[in-house]
């Protein structure tokens, strides 16, 4: 009995020892886990700190761009601006002392600032006489208070002057005039009319329009667009001629631009139009100040973009795309004749190859007998059907046209003309294409050249190919289907709320006269 009691007593002692050992093992394992967690946390913190340090090293300019005021201590302000323009070798920091022995710093950008004027009008007078002797009109001089404003002024081509003890920097507008002259646009030449054209300078373009409209009703609203490009964009309209709701809608779209940087007006056009996937242009891009002026008087608006001579005009219609600025510079009868000729050849540029393919493939009975025999004789040795023949010639013509545009001006036109003659003659001799097809393609190309707006001709060039495919597979029924689809699309298309087929659909009795006839300037729709 004693033995059994001893064993029974020893068993719970052993169990308690085993439990204590297990608890000790669990405790040590928990400590190891906690130590591992602590080590991983410290590693994560170290990694985060290293990443933050790397980011701070890779982005040294973010802190400098904070809207903190200038300190008035020249050394601190210079270090701040130097951190902003790190690795910018074209930004010059020139330290000197004024006539009153005050430390000064002049910061400017080479190429944008006129250094000769800066030396003559600012630096020399300030060093010899004093700050008040700067020979710059006081009305054009401004001040900045933050490094961000100072950086923007320097990148605009202005000279920045900092003085010791002053927390305000003086900015002198000493831009370098490196713009080309206002010569006639090559893409919009006219026999009679103005010979000046827009340049890449925004101020020059605005002045060309102001010169023609000397009225306070002409408004310019300028803003800066682009995160890094900081492109100046100006919205122009004539108060009283335009619906103010349209102005508000345009400003709303400009404020909601999704493009990060603006390098050309097409960047803005593609983002603010109503339907981005339409081949038809919904804004006019022009280099002519007289075109912008006439459209502003008709109740439209214009968007000027710094760095490009092409100005955007909207809202537009299909018929405004087919009107030339020269229509109002000639006699009315001649203008009406040319306008109707333009309408006719616009339709031919879209449908002539398709109609030829459809008729010669499916509807030979529509061709007179003599002409049909001549076409059959010409196509007797051609191994391809009319559709393939038309596609080959159209693609070759588009390639020649593009090559003529990309080549230098001195040889571009010669290469395109000689290439068309040689390729056409060689293709006919080799029996690849027929002579009637070359005539059809040539007439189509001439018809596309008659369209005043290059963007409008692009739409016909693109739509010509699917319509030809429909004509080659379904005949004239396919051509009619293509026309119906295009008309439905044009009927649903809007340019800033204006129907694209107006004033015909919907019909506007006051404006429809400008479609069929050229009204007198005093009867022109406002």
Protein backbone atom coordinates (compact mmCIF):
# COMPACT_ATOMS: atom_id res chain seq x y z
CA UNK A 1 0.00 0.00 0.00
CA UNK A 2 2.84 2.33 0.80
CA UNK A 3 4.49 1.49 -2.50
CA UNK A 4 1.38 2.22 -4.38
CA UNK A 5 0.92 5.51 -2.60
CA UNK A 6 4.50 6.49 -3.35
CA UNK A 7 4.11 5.68 -6.98
CA UNK A 8 0.86 7.56 -7.15
CA UNK A 9 2.52 10.57 -5.56
CA UNK A 10 5.53 10.40 -7.85
CA UNK A 11 3.34 10.26 -10.97
CA UNK A 12 1.72 13.66 -10.44
CA UNK A 13 5.16 15.07 -9.61
CA UNK A 14 6.51 13.74 -12.90
CA UNK A 15 3.46 15.09 -14.71
CA UNK A 16 3.96 18.50 -13.11
CA UNK A 17 7.64 18.41 -14.11
CA UNK A 18 6.69 17.48 -17.67
CA UNK A 19 4.10 20.28 -17.73
CA UNK A 20 6.62 22.78 -16.42
CA UNK A 21 9.13 21.61 -19.04
CA UNK A 22 6.52 22.02 -21.77
CA UNK A 23 5.67 25.48 -20.49
CA UNK A 24 9.34 26.39 -20.49
CA UNK A 25 9.70 25.11 -24.06
CA UNK A 26 6.61 27.08 -25.13
CA UNK A 27 7.96 30.17 -23.42
CA UNK A 28 11.32 29.89 -25.15
CA UNK A 29 9.59 29.30 -28.51
CA UNK A 30 7.35 32.34 -27.92
CA UNK A 31 10.40 34.41 -27.08
CA UNK A 32 12.14 33.20 -30.22
CA UNK A 33 9.06 34.10 -32.30
CA UNK A 34 8.82 37.50 -30.71
CA UNK A 35 12.53 38.04 -31.32
CA UNK A 36 12.09 36.96 -34.95
CA UNK A 37 9.11 39.30 -35.31
CA UNK A 38 11.11 42.13 -33.80
CA UNK A 39 14.00 41.40 -36.16
CA UNK A 40 11.64 41.34 -39.16
CA UNK A 41 10.06 44.62 -38.00
CA UNK A 42 13.45 46.26 -37.69
CA UNK A 43 14.39 44.95 -41.15
CA UNK A 44 11.15 46.32 -42.59
CA UNK A 45 11.76 49.66 -40.91
CA UNK A 46 15.30 49.69 -42.26
CA UNK A 47 14.04 48.82 -45.73
CA UNK A 48 11.37 51.51 -45.54
CA UNK A 49 13.91 54.03 -44.34
CA UNK A 50 16.31 53.06 -47.12
CA UNK A 51 13.50 53.31 -49.69
CA UNK A 52 12.50 56.69 -48.36
CA UNK A 53 16.12 57.83 -48.50
CA UNK A 54 16.42 56.54 -52.05
CA UNK A 55 13.20 58.28 -53.05
CA UNK A 56 14.35 61.47 -51.40
CA UNK A 57 17.64 61.21 -53.29
CA UNK A 58 15.90 60.50 -56.57
CA UNK A 59 13.44 63.38 -56.05
CA UNK A 60 15.43 66.26 -54.60
CA UNK A 61 13.20 68.93 -56.11
CA UNK A 62 9.91 68.07 -54.40
CA UNK A 63 10.77 69.82 -51.14
CA UNK A 64 12.09 72.83 -53.04
CA UNK A 65 8.80 73.24 -54.85
CA UNK A 66 6.83 73.78 -51.68
CA UNK A 67 5.12 77.15 -51.52
CA UNK A 68 7.33 78.37 -48.69
CA UNK A 69 8.18 82.07 -48.77
CA UNK A 70 11.66 83.30 -49.53
CA UNK A 71 13.71 83.72 -46.36
CA UNK A 72 15.57 86.93 -47.21
CA UNK A 73 18.91 85.21 -46.54
CA UNK A 74 20.65 85.09 -49.88
CA UNK A 75 22.61 81.93 -49.16
CA UNK A 76 19.52 79.97 -48.11
CA UNK A 77 17.46 81.20 -51.04
CA UNK A 78 20.28 80.39 -53.46
CA UNK A 79 20.58 76.85 -52.07
CA UNK A 80 16.82 76.41 -52.42
CA UNK A 81 16.85 77.49 -56.07
CA UNK A 82 19.94 75.39 -56.79
CA UNK A 83 18.16 72.35 -55.39
CA UNK A 84 15.23 73.12 -57.67
CA UNK A 85 17.46 73.36 -60.75
CA UNK A 86 19.73 70.42 -59.98
CA UNK A 87 21.58 69.21 -63.10
CA UNK A 88 20.19 72.13 -65.13
CA UNK A 89 23.32 73.49 -66.77
CA UNK A 90 21.39 76.08 -68.77
CA UNK A 91 20.27 77.90 -65.60
CA UNK A 92 22.90 80.46 -64.58
CA UNK A 93 23.44 81.76 -61.02
CA UNK A 94 25.37 85.05 -61.12
CA UNK A 95 26.42 86.55 -57.77
CA UNK A 96 27.59 90.16 -57.49
CA UNK A 97 27.35 93.27 -55.30
CA UNK A 98 25.26 96.34 -56.01
CA UNK A 99 26.54 99.92 -55.90
CA UNK A 100 25.48 100.03 -52.23
CA UNK A 101 27.63 96.96 -51.42
CA UNK A 102 24.57 94.73 -51.03
CA UNK A 103 24.98 91.09 -52.01
CA UNK A 104 22.78 90.17 -54.96
CA UNK A 105 22.02 87.11 -57.05
CA UNK A 106 20.74 87.05 -60.63
CA UNK A 107 19.26 83.80 -61.97
CA UNK A 108 18.30 83.30 -65.62
CA UNK A 109 18.03 80.58 -68.25
CA UNK A 110 20.35 80.60 -71.25
CA UNK A 111 18.52 80.65 -74.56
CA UNK A 112 15.28 81.92 -73.05
CA UNK A 113 16.59 85.16 -71.53
CA UNK A 114 18.22 87.90 -73.59
CA UNK A 115 21.63 88.10 -71.91
CA UNK A 116 22.67 91.23 -73.82
CA UNK A 117 19.67 93.19 -72.57
CA UNK A 118 20.16 91.72 -69.11
CA UNK A 119 23.76 92.97 -69.01
CA UNK A 120 22.94 96.37 -70.49
CA UNK A 121 19.65 97.17 -68.75
CA UNK A 122 19.95 95.46 -65.36
CA UNK A 123 23.34 94.19 -64.24
CA UNK A 124 25.52 97.14 -65.29
CA UNK A 125 23.20 99.88 -63.92
CA UNK A 126 22.61 98.00 -60.67
CA UNK A 127 26.35 97.50 -60.08
CA UNK A 128 27.30 101.09 -60.97
CA UNK A 129 24.35 103.15 -59.66
CA UNK A 130 21.88 101.05 -57.72
CA UNK A 131 18.78 98.89 -57.90
CA UNK A 132 16.62 101.85 -58.88
CA UNK A 133 18.71 102.44 -62.03
CA UNK A 134 17.54 99.31 -63.88
CA UNK A 135 16.49 100.37 -67.37
CA UNK A 136 13.38 98.20 -67.61
CA UNK A 137 9.83 99.64 -67.79
CA UNK A 138 8.40 99.49 -64.30
CA UNK A 139 4.98 98.48 -65.64
CA UNK A 140 6.41 95.17 -66.83
CA UNK A 141 8.44 94.41 -63.68
CA UNK A 142 6.85 92.10 -61.11
CA UNK A 143 7.80 90.43 -57.85
CA UNK A 144 7.62 86.85 -56.58
CA UNK A 145 7.59 85.56 -53.03
CA UNK A 146 8.04 81.77 -53.26
CA UNK A 147 10.60 79.45 -54.90
CA UNK A 148 7.84 77.95 -57.05
CA UNK A 149 6.93 81.34 -58.51
CA UNK A 150 10.62 82.11 -58.99
CA UNK A 151 11.21 78.85 -60.89
CA UNK A 152 8.21 79.48 -63.14
CA UNK A 153 9.45 82.98 -63.95
CA UNK A 154 12.94 81.73 -64.79
CA UNK A 155 11.58 79.01 -67.08
CA UNK A 156 9.46 81.62 -68.85
CA UNK A 157 12.64 83.43 -69.88
CA UNK A 158 12.57 86.14 -67.23
CA UNK A 159 15.56 87.29 -65.16
CA UNK A 160 15.26 86.90 -61.37
CA UNK A 161 17.09 89.31 -59.03
CA UNK A 162 17.51 88.47 -55.31
CA UNK A 163 18.92 90.90 -52.75
CA UNK A 164 20.30 90.17 -49.30
CA UNK A 165 17.71 90.96 -46.64
CA UNK A 166 14.73 91.03 -49.00
CA UNK A 167 12.19 88.21 -48.95
CA UNK A 168 10.77 89.38 -52.28
CA UNK A 169 12.54 88.72 -55.62
CA UNK A 170 12.28 91.07 -58.60
CA UNK A 171 11.48 89.62 -62.02
CA UNK A 172 12.49 91.41 -65.24
CA UNK A 173 10.76 90.31 -68.49
CA UNK A 174 13.80 90.04 -70.73
CA UNK A 175 12.53 87.36 -73.07
CA UNK A 176 14.67 86.41 -76.02
CA UNK A 177 12.76 86.91 -79.26
CA UNK A 178 13.76 83.77 -81.21
CA UNK A 179 10.50 83.28 -83.10
CA UNK A 180 10.10 83.16 -86.85
CA UNK A 181 8.32 85.87 -88.77
CA UNK A 182 4.58 85.88 -89.46
CA UNK A 183 4.83 84.44 -92.95
CA UNK A 184 2.02 82.99 -95.04
CA UNK A 185 1.01 79.42 -94.07
CA UNK A 186 2.06 76.95 -96.76
CA UNK A 187 -0.84 74.57 -96.08
CA UNK A 188 -3.52 77.28 -96.39
CA UNK A 189 -2.38 79.48 -99.24
CA UNK A 190 -4.88 81.71 -101.02
CA UNK A 191 -4.79 83.79 -104.20
CA UNK A 192 -6.30 86.82 -102.47
CA UNK A 193 -6.23 87.54 -98.76
CA UNK A 194 -3.90 88.22 -95.86
CA UNK A 195 -0.34 86.93 -96.07
CA UNK A 196 0.47 86.70 -92.36
CA UNK A 197 0.19 83.54 -90.30
CA UNK A 198 0.48 82.37 -86.74
CA UNK A 199 3.84 81.52 -85.21
CA UNK A 200 4.93 79.45 -82.21
CA UNK A 201 4.72 82.46 -79.86
CA UNK A 202 1.41 82.80 -78.02
CA UNK A 203 1.72 86.56 -77.51
CA UNK A 204 2.31 87.11 -81.22
CA UNK A 205 -0.71 85.02 -82.19
CA UNK A 206 -2.99 86.89 -79.80
CA UNK A 207 -1.77 90.22 -81.15
CA UNK A 208 -2.53 89.17 -84.74
CA UNK A 209 -6.15 88.57 -83.81
CA UNK A 210 -6.37 91.71 -81.68
CA UNK A 211 -5.07 93.73 -84.62
CA UNK A 212 -8.12 92.66 -86.63
CA UNK A 213 -10.68 92.98 -83.83
CA UNK A 214 -10.03 96.24 -82.02
CA UNK A 215 -12.87 95.85 -79.57
CA UNK A 216 -13.03 95.13 -75.84
CA UNK A 217 -15.62 92.47 -76.65
CA UNK A 218 -12.75 90.21 -77.77
CA UNK A 219 -11.81 88.24 -74.67
CA UNK A 220 -8.72 86.14 -73.95
CA UNK A 221 -8.67 83.78 -70.97
CA UNK A 222 -5.20 82.36 -70.39
CA UNK A 223 -4.32 79.34 -68.24
CA UNK A 224 -1.40 76.98 -67.74
CA UNK A 225 -1.88 73.33 -68.70
CA UNK A 226 0.46 70.37 -68.18
CA UNK A 227 2.21 69.01 -65.12
CA UNK A 228 5.75 69.38 -66.51
CA UNK A 229 5.35 71.27 -69.77
CA UNK A 230 3.46 74.19 -68.12
CA UNK A 231 2.05 75.19 -71.49
CA UNK A 232 0.15 78.45 -71.76
CA UNK A 233 -3.29 78.05 -73.37
CA UNK A 234 -5.58 80.96 -74.27
CA UNK A 235 -9.33 80.73 -74.89
CA UNK A 236 -10.60 83.47 -77.23
CA UNK A 237 -14.20 84.51 -77.93
CA UNK A 238 -16.25 87.58 -78.74
CA UNK A 239 -18.62 88.56 -75.99
CA UNK A 240 -22.14 89.00 -77.28
CA UNK A 241 -21.60 86.80 -80.35
CA UNK A 242 -21.11 83.50 -78.46
CA UNK A 243 -23.37 81.69 -76.05
CA UNK A 244 -21.80 82.03 -72.61
CA UNK A 245 -22.84 78.46 -71.72
CA UNK A 246 -20.51 77.29 -74.49
CA UNK A 247 -17.65 79.25 -72.92
CA UNK A 248 -18.34 77.62 -69.56
CA UNK A 249 -18.43 74.17 -71.17
CA UNK A 250 -15.08 74.73 -72.88
CA UNK A 251 -13.45 75.93 -69.67
CA UNK A 252 -14.82 72.90 -67.85
CA UNK A 253 -13.31 70.57 -70.42
CA UNK A 254 -9.97 72.38 -70.30
CA UNK A 255 -9.93 72.06 -66.51
CA UNK A 256 -10.60 68.32 -66.76
CA UNK A 257 -7.87 67.51 -69.27
CA UNK A 258 -6.42 64.04 -68.78
CA UNK A 259 -3.25 64.77 -70.76
CA UNK A 260 -0.28 65.27 -68.44
CA UNK A 261 1.82 67.40 -70.80
CA UNK A 262 0.86 69.51 -73.84
CA UNK A 263 3.27 69.73 -76.77
CA UNK A 264 0.84 70.55 -79.61
CA UNK A 265 -2.78 71.62 -79.99
CA UNK A 266 -3.75 68.09 -81.10
CA UNK A 267 -3.15 66.93 -77.50
CA UNK A 268 -5.98 69.21 -76.37
CA UNK A 269 -8.23 68.59 -79.36
CA UNK A 270 -8.22 64.83 -78.89
CA UNK A 271 -9.21 65.14 -75.24
CA UNK A 272 -11.98 67.76 -75.34
CA UNK A 273 -13.98 66.77 -78.45
CA UNK A 274 -17.33 65.05 -78.08
CA UNK A 275 -16.53 61.77 -79.88
CA UNK A 276 -12.88 60.74 -79.89
CA UNK A 277 -13.31 57.69 -82.14
CA UNK A 278 -14.84 59.49 -85.10
CA UNK A 279 -12.71 59.91 -88.25
CA UNK A 280 -14.34 63.28 -88.96
CA UNK A 281 -12.65 66.33 -87.40
CA UNK A 282 -14.73 68.17 -84.81
CA UNK A 283 -12.45 71.19 -84.57
CA UNK A 284 -10.74 73.31 -87.23
CA UNK A 285 -6.95 73.62 -86.97
CA UNK A 286 -5.76 76.72 -88.80
CA UNK A 287 -2.69 78.94 -89.07
CA UNK A 288 -4.54 81.95 -90.52
CA UNK A 289 -5.53 84.89 -88.29
CA UNK A 290 -8.30 85.95 -90.69
CA UNK A 291 -9.94 82.53 -90.41
CA UNK A 292 -9.90 82.75 -86.61
CA UNK A 293 -11.29 86.27 -86.70
CA UNK A 294 -14.20 85.41 -89.00
CA UNK A 295 -15.13 82.37 -86.91
CA UNK A 296 -15.01 84.38 -83.68
CA UNK A 297 -17.45 86.87 -85.22
CA UNK A 298 -19.76 83.97 -86.12
CA UNK A 299 -20.07 82.91 -82.48
CA UNK A 300 -17.35 80.30 -82.23
CA UNK A 301 -14.37 80.12 -79.89
CA UNK A 302 -10.65 79.59 -80.52
CA UNK A 303 -7.99 77.88 -78.44
CA UNK A 304 -4.39 79.14 -78.77
CA UNK A 305 -1.57 76.90 -77.57
CA UNK A 306 1.92 78.23 -76.90
CA UNK A 307 4.57 76.46 -78.99
CA UNK A 308 2.45 75.70 -82.05
CA UNK A 309 1.03 77.86 -84.87
CA UNK A 310 -2.11 75.75 -85.19
CA UNK A 311 -5.14 77.29 -83.48
CA UNK A 312 -8.28 75.25 -82.73
CA UNK A 313 -11.75 76.52 -83.67
CA UNK A 314 -15.10 75.06 -82.61
CA UNK A 315 -17.95 74.28 -82.89
CA UNK A 316 -17.79 73.28 -86.55
CA UNK A 317 -19.96 71.48 -89.09
CA UNK A 318 -19.28 69.38 -92.17
CA UNK A 319 -20.02 72.32 -94.46
CA UNK A 320 -17.68 74.66 -92.60
CA UNK A 321 -14.92 72.12 -93.29
CA UNK A 322 -15.59 72.46 -97.02
CA UNK A 323 -15.54 76.26 -97.08
CA UNK A 324 -12.40 78.18 -97.93
CA UNK A 325 -11.48 81.60 -96.48
CA UNK A 326 -11.12 82.78 -100.06
CA UNK A 327 -14.86 82.39 -100.65
CA UNK A 328 -15.42 85.88 -99.27
CA UNK A 329 -12.39 87.38 -101.03
CA UNK A 330 -13.72 86.77 -104.57
CA UNK A 331 -16.84 87.65 -106.55
CA UNK A 332 -19.98 85.88 -105.36
CA UNK A 333 -20.61 83.93 -108.59
CA UNK A 334 -17.07 82.59 -108.72
CA UNK A 335 -17.18 81.68 -105.05
CA UNK A 336 -20.47 79.81 -105.47
CA UNK A 337 -19.12 77.92 -108.50
CA UNK A 338 -15.99 76.86 -106.62
CA UNK A 339 -18.01 75.91 -103.56
CA UNK A 340 -20.30 73.60 -105.56
CA UNK A 341 -17.28 72.17 -107.39
CA UNK A 342 -15.74 71.48 -104.00
CA UNK A 343 -18.89 69.70 -102.80
CA UNK A 344 -18.97 67.53 -105.94
CA UNK A 345 -15.36 66.48 -105.76
CA UNK A 346 -15.65 65.79 -102.04
CA UNK A 347 -18.28 63.16 -102.84
CA UNK A 348 -16.14 61.83 -105.71
CA UNK A 349 -13.11 61.49 -103.46
CA UNK A 350 -15.11 59.16 -101.24
CA UNK A 351 -17.24 57.18 -103.72
CA UNK A 352 -15.59 57.22 -107.19
CA UNK A 353 -13.32 54.13 -106.77
CA UNK A 354 -16.12 52.24 -105.02
CA UNK A 355 -18.62 53.05 -107.75
CA UNK A 356 -16.16 51.94 -110.45
CA UNK A 357 -15.45 48.65 -108.67
CA UNK A 358 -19.15 47.94 -108.09
CA UNK A 359 -20.24 48.76 -111.64
CA UNK A 360 -17.45 46.88 -113.43
CA UNK A 361 -17.86 43.84 -111.18
CA UNK A 362 -21.63 43.45 -110.73
CA UNK A 363 -23.49 46.00 -112.88
CA UNK A 364 -21.89 46.00 -116.34
CA UNK A 365 -25.28 46.73 -117.90
CA UNK A 366 -25.07 50.29 -116.56
CA UNK A 367 -22.02 51.05 -118.75
CA UNK A 368 -22.51 52.11 -122.39
CA UNK A 369 -21.50 49.39 -124.86
CA UNK A 370 -18.59 51.24 -126.43
CA UNK A 371 -17.16 52.20 -123.05
CA UNK A 372 -17.73 48.68 -121.71
CA UNK A 373 -15.78 47.18 -124.66
CA UNK A 374 -12.94 49.65 -124.06
CA UNK A 375 -12.77 48.78 -120.35
CA UNK A 376 -12.94 45.05 -121.10
CA UNK A 377 -10.09 45.38 -123.61
CA UNK A 378 -7.98 47.28 -121.09
CA UNK A 379 -8.63 44.67 -118.38
CA UNK A 380 -8.19 41.71 -120.68
CA UNK A 381 -4.72 40.78 -119.39
CA UNK A 382 -5.14 41.96 -115.78
CA UNK A 383 -4.87 38.95 -113.40
CA UNK A 384 -6.64 40.65 -110.47
CA UNK A 385 -10.27 41.51 -109.92
CA UNK A 386 -11.28 45.17 -109.90
CA UNK A 387 -11.32 45.32 -106.08
CA UNK A 388 -7.73 44.12 -105.68
CA UNK A 389 -6.65 46.38 -108.52
CA UNK A 390 -8.24 49.41 -106.82
CA UNK A 391 -6.73 48.56 -103.43
CA UNK A 392 -3.24 48.24 -104.95
CA UNK A 393 -3.46 51.60 -106.70
CA UNK A 394 -5.01 53.44 -103.75
CA UNK A 395 -2.40 52.14 -101.32
CA UNK A 396 0.39 53.02 -103.75
CA UNK A 397 -1.05 56.53 -104.20
CA UNK A 398 -1.30 57.07 -100.45
CA UNK A 399 2.30 55.90 -100.05
CA UNK A 400 3.46 58.35 -102.73
CA UNK A 401 1.52 61.16 -101.10
CA UNK A 402 3.03 60.43 -97.69
CA UNK A 403 6.51 60.17 -99.18
CA UNK A 404 6.08 63.57 -100.84
CA UNK A 405 5.14 65.10 -97.50
CA UNK A 406 8.02 63.56 -95.54
CA UNK A 407 10.76 64.28 -98.06
CA UNK A 408 12.50 67.67 -98.16
CA UNK A 409 10.47 70.37 -99.87
CA UNK A 410 12.96 70.72 -102.73
CA UNK A 411 12.60 67.10 -103.86
CA UNK A 412 9.29 66.02 -102.34
CA UNK A 413 6.98 67.19 -105.10
CA UNK A 414 9.34 66.01 -107.85
CA UNK A 415 9.66 62.53 -106.35
CA UNK A 416 5.90 62.14 -105.88
CA UNK A 417 5.07 63.24 -109.44
CA UNK A 418 7.86 61.24 -111.10
CA UNK A 419 7.09 58.23 -108.92
CA UNK A 420 3.40 58.34 -109.86
CA UNK A 421 4.20 58.55 -113.58
CA UNK A 422 6.83 55.82 -113.53
CA UNK A 423 4.89 53.43 -111.30
CA UNK A 424 1.65 53.99 -113.21
CA UNK A 425 3.27 53.45 -116.61
CA UNK A 426 5.22 50.43 -115.40
CA UNK A 427 2.17 48.87 -113.76
CA UNK A 428 0.13 49.31 -116.95
CA UNK A 429 2.89 47.86 -119.15
CA UNK A 430 3.38 44.90 -116.82
CA UNK A 431 -0.34 44.15 -116.87
CA UNK A 432 -0.84 44.57 -113.12
CA UNK A 433 -3.41 47.37 -113.32
CA UNK A 434 -5.47 48.78 -116.16
CA UNK A 435 -5.38 52.28 -117.59
CA UNK A 436 -8.99 53.12 -116.55
CA UNK A 437 -8.14 52.31 -112.93
CA UNK A 438 -5.16 54.70 -113.04
CA UNK A 439 -7.48 57.42 -114.34
CA UNK A 440 -9.99 56.76 -111.55
CA UNK A 441 -7.31 56.87 -108.84
CA UNK A 442 -5.80 60.06 -110.29
CA UNK A 443 -9.18 61.82 -110.34
CA UNK A 444 -9.81 60.65 -106.77
CA UNK A 445 -6.46 62.06 -105.64
CA UNK A 446 -7.13 65.41 -107.32
CA UNK A 447 -10.57 65.50 -105.68
CA UNK A 448 -9.05 64.95 -102.24
CA UNK A 449 -6.61 67.81 -102.84
CA UNK A 450 -9.52 70.20 -103.39
CA UNK A 451 -10.72 69.87 -99.79
CA UNK A 452 -9.61 73.05 -97.95
CA UNK A 453 -9.08 71.34 -94.60
CA UNK A 454 -6.43 68.64 -94.43
CA UNK A 455 -8.17 66.94 -91.49
CA UNK A 456 -11.40 66.65 -93.52
CA UNK A 457 -9.55 64.93 -96.38
CA UNK A 458 -8.11 62.39 -93.94
CA UNK A 459 -11.62 61.15 -93.15
CA UNK A 460 -12.39 60.46 -96.83
CA UNK A 461 -9.03 58.75 -97.30
CA UNK A 462 -9.76 56.40 -94.40
CA UNK A 463 -13.38 55.66 -95.29
CA UNK A 464 -12.59 55.05 -98.95
CA UNK A 465 -11.14 51.60 -98.24
CA UNK A 466 -14.05 50.00 -96.32
CA UNK A 467 -16.52 51.39 -98.85
CA UNK A 468 -14.45 49.84 -101.66
CA UNK A 469 -14.50 46.49 -99.89
CA UNK A 470 -18.29 46.71 -99.58
CA UNK A 471 -18.53 47.61 -103.27
CA UNK A 472 -16.34 44.68 -104.28
CA UNK A 473 -18.42 42.18 -102.28
CA UNK A 474 -21.99 43.50 -102.53
CA UNK A 475 -21.93 45.86 -105.49
CA UNK A 476 -23.93 49.06 -105.41
CA UNK A 477 -25.91 47.67 -102.48
CA UNK A 478 -22.70 47.67 -100.47
CA UNK A 479 -21.98 51.24 -101.55
CA UNK A 480 -25.44 52.31 -100.38
CA UNK A 481 -24.93 50.50 -97.07
CA UNK A 482 -21.66 52.36 -96.58
CA UNK A 483 -23.34 55.69 -97.36
CA UNK A 484 -26.17 54.94 -94.93
CA UNK A 485 -23.72 54.08 -92.13
CA UNK A 486 -21.73 57.28 -92.76
CA UNK A 487 -24.87 59.45 -92.79
CA UNK A 488 -26.12 57.86 -89.57
CA UNK A 489 -22.77 58.55 -87.93
CA UNK A 490 -22.74 62.16 -89.16
CA UNK A 491 -26.29 62.66 -87.92
CA UNK A 492 -25.31 61.56 -84.41
CA UNK A 493 -22.02 63.48 -84.37
CA UNK A 494 -21.78 66.68 -82.32
CA UNK A 495 -19.16 69.38 -82.09
CA UNK A 496 -19.54 70.91 -78.62
CA UNK A 497 -23.28 70.29 -78.81
CA UNK A 498 -23.72 71.56 -82.39
CA UNK A 499 -25.10 68.95 -84.87
CA UNK A 500 -22.43 68.10 -87.44
CA UNK A 501 -24.86 68.27 -90.40
CA UNK A 502 -26.39 71.60 -89.41
CA UNK A 503 -27.79 73.82 -90.83
CA UNK A 504 -29.34 71.12 -93.04
CA UNK A 505 -30.11 68.56 -90.34
CA UNK A 506 -31.64 70.07 -88.32
CA UNK A 507 -32.66 72.76 -90.79
CA UNK A 508 -31.81 76.32 -89.79
CA UNK A 509 -33.42 78.68 -92.29
CA UNK A 510 -31.20 81.66 -91.43
CA UNK A 511 -27.94 79.77 -91.83
CA UNK A 512 -28.78 77.39 -94.69
CA UNK A 513 -28.14 80.15 -97.23
CA UNK A 514 -24.43 80.03 -96.41
CA UNK A 515 -24.36 76.37 -97.54
CA UNK A 516 -25.87 76.68 -101.02
CA UNK A 517 -24.89 80.28 -101.73
CA UNK A 518 -22.26 82.75 -100.67
CA UNK A 519 -24.16 85.56 -98.91
CA UNK A 520 -22.88 89.10 -98.85
CA UNK A 521 -20.60 90.01 -95.94
CA UNK A 522 -23.25 92.31 -94.45
CA UNK A 523 -25.78 89.44 -94.56
CA UNK A 524 -23.42 86.85 -93.10
CA UNK A 525 -24.85 84.91 -90.17
CA UNK A 526 -23.63 86.04 -86.78
